[in-house]
Amino acid sequence: MSQGSGAFFAGLVVGALAGVAVGALLAPRSGRETREALMDAMTQAGGPGPGLLSRVGGAIRRRFEVGRVAFIEGKEEARVNLERELRRAQGVSP
């Protein structure tokens, strides 16, 4: 197999996996059903399988949690600053 046909075949496989993933994600199913269908399709296609999906899912959950905590802290800081500025504008000492 020449280098060009190898690249074509690799592109074909990646494209097929991407198509399966997009199709599974856009299907009108529950989140759990969609994840199960996606993992089944990837396993059957010889894709990375549930190990990679679990690691990626864990990383996404950790980043989401960091963002959630930052949002809550920022919201509280904004509330405190707003109350302070409102008191200052009304001439009330803190």
N, C-alpha and C. Protein backbone atom coordinates (compact mmCIF):
# COMPACT_ATOMS: atom_id res chain seq x y z
N MET A 1 0.85 -1.17 0.00
CA MET A 1 0.00 0.00 0.00
C MET A 1 0.89 1.23 0.00
N SER A 2 0.64 2.17 -0.88
CA SER A 2 1.45 3.38 -0.95
C SER A 2 1.07 4.32 0.18
N GLN A 3 1.94 5.32 0.39
CA GLN A 3 1.70 6.27 1.46
C GLN A 3 0.41 7.05 1.23
N GLY A 4 0.10 7.40 0.00
CA GLY A 4 -1.11 8.14 -0.32
C GLY A 4 -2.37 7.34 -0.03
N SER A 5 -2.37 6.05 -0.37
CA SER A 5 -3.56 5.25 -0.12
C SER A 5 -3.71 4.97 1.37
N GLY A 6 -2.60 4.90 2.11
CA GLY A 6 -2.68 4.73 3.56
C GLY A 6 -3.32 5.93 4.23
N ALA A 7 -2.94 7.12 3.76
CA ALA A 7 -3.53 8.34 4.30
C ALA A 7 -5.02 8.42 3.96
N PHE A 8 -5.36 7.99 2.76
CA PHE A 8 -6.76 7.98 2.35
C PHE A 8 -7.56 7.05 3.25
N PHE A 9 -7.04 5.84 3.48
CA PHE A 9 -7.73 4.86 4.31
C PHE A 9 -7.89 5.39 5.74
N ALA A 10 -6.84 6.00 6.28
CA ALA A 10 -6.91 6.57 7.63
C ALA A 10 -7.97 7.66 7.68
N GLY A 11 -8.01 8.51 6.65
CA GLY A 11 -9.03 9.56 6.59
C GLY A 11 -10.42 8.99 6.50
N LEU A 12 -10.55 7.90 5.74
CA LEU A 12 -11.84 7.24 5.60
C LEU A 12 -12.32 6.70 6.95
N VAL A 13 -11.42 6.07 7.69
CA VAL A 13 -11.78 5.51 9.00
C VAL A 13 -12.14 6.62 9.98
N VAL A 14 -11.33 7.67 10.02
CA VAL A 14 -11.60 8.79 10.93
C VAL A 14 -12.93 9.44 10.55
N GLY A 15 -13.16 9.62 9.27
CA GLY A 15 -14.42 10.22 8.82
C GLY A 15 -15.63 9.36 9.19
N ALA A 16 -15.47 8.05 9.05
CA ALA A 16 -16.57 7.15 9.41
C ALA A 16 -16.86 7.22 10.90
N LEU A 17 -15.80 7.23 11.72
CA LEU A 17 -15.99 7.32 13.17
C LEU A 17 -16.64 8.65 13.55
N ALA A 18 -16.20 9.72 12.91
CA ALA A 18 -16.79 11.03 13.19
C ALA A 18 -18.27 11.05 12.79
N GLY A 19 -18.59 10.43 11.66
CA GLY A 19 -19.98 10.35 11.22
C GLY A 19 -20.85 9.58 12.19
N VAL A 20 -20.32 8.48 12.69
CA VAL A 20 -21.06 7.68 13.67
C VAL A 20 -21.28 8.50 14.94
N ALA A 21 -20.23 9.19 15.39
CA ALA A 21 -20.34 9.99 16.61
C ALA A 21 -21.37 11.10 16.45
N VAL A 22 -21.31 11.83 15.35
CA VAL A 22 -22.26 12.92 15.11
C VAL A 22 -23.68 12.37 15.01
N GLY A 23 -23.85 11.29 14.28
CA GLY A 23 -25.17 10.68 14.16
C GLY A 23 -25.72 10.25 15.49
N ALA A 24 -24.87 9.65 16.31
CA ALA A 24 -25.32 9.20 17.63
C ALA A 24 -25.66 10.38 18.53
N LEU A 25 -24.87 11.44 18.45
CA LEU A 25 -25.11 12.60 19.30
C LEU A 25 -26.35 13.38 18.91
N LEU A 26 -26.69 13.36 17.65
CA LEU A 26 -27.85 14.12 17.18
C LEU A 26 -29.14 13.32 17.20
N ALA A 27 -29.06 12.05 17.51
CA ALA A 27 -30.25 11.20 17.55
C ALA A 27 -31.13 11.61 18.73
N PRO A 28 -32.45 11.54 18.55
CA PRO A 28 -33.36 11.93 19.65
C PRO A 28 -33.47 10.83 20.71
N ARG A 29 -32.47 10.75 21.56
CA ARG A 29 -32.44 9.76 22.64
C ARG A 29 -32.07 10.47 23.93
N SER A 30 -32.18 9.73 25.02
CA SER A 30 -31.72 10.28 26.29
C SER A 30 -30.20 10.31 26.28
N GLY A 31 -29.61 11.05 27.20
CA GLY A 31 -28.15 11.14 27.27
C GLY A 31 -27.51 9.78 27.49
N ARG A 32 -28.07 9.00 28.40
CA ARG A 32 -27.52 7.67 28.69
C ARG A 32 -27.60 6.77 27.45
N GLU A 33 -28.73 6.77 26.78
CA GLU A 33 -28.87 5.94 25.58
C GLU A 33 -27.89 6.36 24.50
N THR A 34 -27.71 7.67 24.34
CA THR A 34 -26.79 8.17 23.33
C THR A 34 -25.36 7.76 23.65
N ARG A 35 -24.95 7.90 24.92
CA ARG A 35 -23.58 7.49 25.30
C ARG A 35 -23.37 6.00 25.08
N GLU A 36 -24.37 5.20 25.45
CA GLU A 36 -24.24 3.75 25.25
C GLU A 36 -24.14 3.41 23.76
N ALA A 37 -24.96 4.04 22.94
CA ALA A 37 -24.92 3.79 21.51
C ALA A 37 -23.58 4.21 20.91
N LEU A 38 -23.06 5.35 21.37
CA LEU A 38 -21.78 5.83 20.87
C LEU A 38 -20.65 4.89 21.26
N MET A 39 -20.65 4.41 22.51
CA MET A 39 -19.61 3.48 22.94
C MET A 39 -19.72 2.14 22.19
N ASP A 40 -20.94 1.68 21.97
CA ASP A 40 -21.13 0.43 21.21
C ASP A 40 -20.60 0.59 19.79
N ALA A 41 -20.94 1.71 19.16
CA ALA A 41 -20.52 1.94 17.77
C ALA A 41 -19.00 2.04 17.68
N MET A 42 -18.38 2.71 18.64
CA MET A 42 -16.93 2.85 18.62
C MET A 42 -16.24 1.51 18.88
N THR A 43 -16.81 0.72 19.77
CA THR A 43 -16.22 -0.59 20.06
C THR A 43 -16.32 -1.48 18.83
N GLN A 44 -17.47 -1.47 18.16
CA GLN A 44 -17.65 -2.29 16.96
C GLN A 44 -16.75 -1.82 15.83
N ALA A 45 -16.49 -0.52 15.75
CA ALA A 45 -15.66 0.02 14.68
C ALA A 45 -14.17 -0.10 15.01
N GLY A 46 -13.85 -0.60 16.19
CA GLY A 46 -12.45 -0.72 16.58
C GLY A 46 -11.87 0.59 17.05
N GLY A 47 -12.72 1.47 17.50
CA GLY A 47 -12.28 2.79 17.96
C GLY A 47 -11.66 2.71 19.34
N PRO A 48 -11.44 3.87 19.93
CA PRO A 48 -10.73 3.93 21.21
C PRO A 48 -11.48 3.26 22.37
N GLY A 49 -12.78 3.11 22.25
CA GLY A 49 -13.53 2.37 23.26
C GLY A 49 -13.82 3.15 24.52
N PRO A 50 -14.43 2.45 25.47
CA PRO A 50 -14.91 3.12 26.68
C PRO A 50 -13.80 3.68 27.56
N GLY A 51 -12.59 3.12 27.51
CA GLY A 51 -11.51 3.65 28.35
C GLY A 51 -11.22 5.10 28.04
N LEU A 52 -11.07 5.40 26.76
CA LEU A 52 -10.80 6.78 26.36
C LEU A 52 -12.00 7.67 26.66
N LEU A 53 -13.20 7.17 26.37
CA LEU A 53 -14.39 7.97 26.63
C LEU A 53 -14.54 8.27 28.11
N SER A 54 -14.21 7.32 28.96
CA SER A 54 -14.28 7.53 30.41
C SER A 54 -13.29 8.59 30.85
N ARG A 55 -12.07 8.53 30.32
CA ARG A 55 -11.06 9.53 30.69
C ARG A 55 -11.46 10.92 30.23
N VAL A 56 -11.96 11.01 29.00
CA VAL A 56 -12.39 12.31 28.47
C VAL A 56 -13.57 12.83 29.28
N GLY A 57 -14.52 11.95 29.58
CA GLY A 57 -15.67 12.36 30.39
C GLY A 57 -15.25 12.85 31.77
N GLY A 58 -14.28 12.15 32.38
CA GLY A 58 -13.78 12.58 33.68
C GLY A 58 -13.12 13.94 33.62
N ALA A 59 -12.34 14.16 32.57
CA ALA A 59 -11.67 15.46 32.41
C ALA A 59 -12.70 16.57 32.22
N ILE A 60 -13.73 16.30 31.46
CA ILE A 60 -14.78 17.30 31.23
C ILE A 60 -15.50 17.60 32.54
N ARG A 61 -15.82 16.55 33.31
CA ARG A 61 -16.50 16.77 34.59
C ARG A 61 -15.63 17.60 35.54
N ARG A 62 -14.32 17.31 35.58
CA ARG A 62 -13.44 18.07 36.47
C ARG A 62 -13.38 19.53 36.05
N ARG A 63 -13.26 19.78 34.77
CA ARG A 63 -13.21 21.17 34.30
C ARG A 63 -14.52 21.90 34.54
N PHE A 64 -15.62 21.18 34.37
CA PHE A 64 -16.93 21.77 34.64
C PHE A 64 -17.03 22.17 36.11
N GLU A 65 -16.56 21.30 37.00
CA GLU A 65 -16.62 21.59 38.44
C GLU A 65 -15.77 22.81 38.78
N VAL A 66 -14.59 22.93 38.20
CA VAL A 66 -13.74 24.10 38.43
C VAL A 66 -14.47 25.36 37.96
N GLY A 67 -15.10 25.30 36.81
CA GLY A 67 -15.85 26.44 36.30
C GLY A 67 -17.05 26.78 37.17
N ARG A 68 -17.73 25.75 37.67
CA ARG A 68 -18.90 25.95 38.52
C ARG A 68 -18.49 26.66 39.82
N VAL A 69 -17.41 26.20 40.43
CA VAL A 69 -16.92 26.82 41.67
C VAL A 69 -16.51 28.27 41.41
N ALA A 70 -15.80 28.51 40.32
CA ALA A 70 -15.37 29.87 39.99
C ALA A 70 -16.58 30.77 39.77
N PHE A 71 -17.61 30.26 39.14
CA PHE A 71 -18.83 31.04 38.91
C PHE A 71 -19.49 31.41 40.24
N ILE A 72 -19.61 30.42 41.14
CA ILE A 72 -20.25 30.68 42.43
C ILE A 72 -19.45 31.71 43.22
N GLU A 73 -18.12 31.56 43.24
CA GLU A 73 -17.28 32.51 43.96
C GLU A 73 -17.38 33.91 43.34
N GLY A 74 -17.37 33.98 42.02
CA GLY A 74 -17.48 35.27 41.34
C GLY A 74 -18.83 35.92 41.58
N LYS A 75 -19.87 35.11 41.61
CA LYS A 75 -21.22 35.63 41.87
C LYS A 75 -21.30 36.21 43.28
N GLU A 76 -20.72 35.52 44.25
CA GLU A 76 -20.73 36.01 45.63
C GLU A 76 -19.92 37.30 45.75
N GLU A 77 -18.76 37.34 45.11
CA GLU A 77 -17.94 38.55 45.14
C GLU A 77 -18.68 39.72 44.50
N ALA A 78 -19.36 39.47 43.41
CA ALA A 78 -20.12 40.53 42.74
C ALA A 78 -21.26 41.03 43.64
N ARG A 79 -21.92 40.12 44.35
CA ARG A 79 -23.01 40.50 45.25
C ARG A 79 -22.48 41.40 46.37
N VAL A 80 -21.35 41.01 46.97
CA VAL A 80 -20.75 41.79 48.05
C VAL A 80 -20.36 43.18 47.53
N ASN A 81 -19.72 43.23 46.37
CA ASN A 81 -19.31 44.52 45.79
C ASN A 81 -20.51 45.40 45.47
N LEU A 82 -21.56 44.81 44.94
CA LEU A 82 -22.76 45.57 44.60
C LEU A 82 -23.41 46.15 45.86
N GLU A 83 -23.52 45.33 46.90
CA GLU A 83 -24.10 45.83 48.15
C GLU A 83 -23.25 46.96 48.73
N ARG A 84 -21.94 46.81 48.69
CA ARG A 84 -21.05 47.86 49.20
C ARG A 84 -21.24 49.15 48.41
N GLU A 85 -21.29 49.06 47.10
CA GLU A 85 -21.44 50.26 46.27
C GLU A 85 -22.82 50.89 46.45
N LEU A 86 -23.84 50.08 46.66
CA LEU A 86 -25.18 50.63 46.91
C LEU A 86 -25.22 51.40 48.23
N ARG A 87 -24.58 50.82 49.26
CA ARG A 87 -24.52 51.52 50.54
C ARG A 87 -23.74 52.82 50.42
N ARG A 88 -22.63 52.77 49.66
CA ARG A 88 -21.81 53.96 49.47
C ARG A 88 -22.61 55.04 48.73
N ALA A 89 -23.35 54.63 47.71
CA ALA A 89 -24.14 55.58 46.92
C ALA A 89 -25.27 56.19 47.74
N GLN A 90 -25.78 55.43 48.71
CA GLN A 90 -26.85 55.93 49.56
C GLN A 90 -26.32 56.71 50.76
N GLY A 91 -24.99 56.75 50.90
CA GLY A 91 -24.38 57.49 51.99
C GLY A 91 -24.39 56.75 53.31
N VAL A 92 -24.57 55.44 53.25
CA VAL A 92 -24.58 54.63 54.46
C VAL A 92 -23.20 54.06 54.64
N SER A 93 -22.66 54.14 55.88
CA SER A 93 -21.32 53.59 56.10
C SER A 93 -21.39 52.07 56.16
N PRO A 94 -20.31 51.39 55.74
CA PRO A 94 -20.32 49.91 55.70
C PRO A 94 -20.44 49.25 57.01
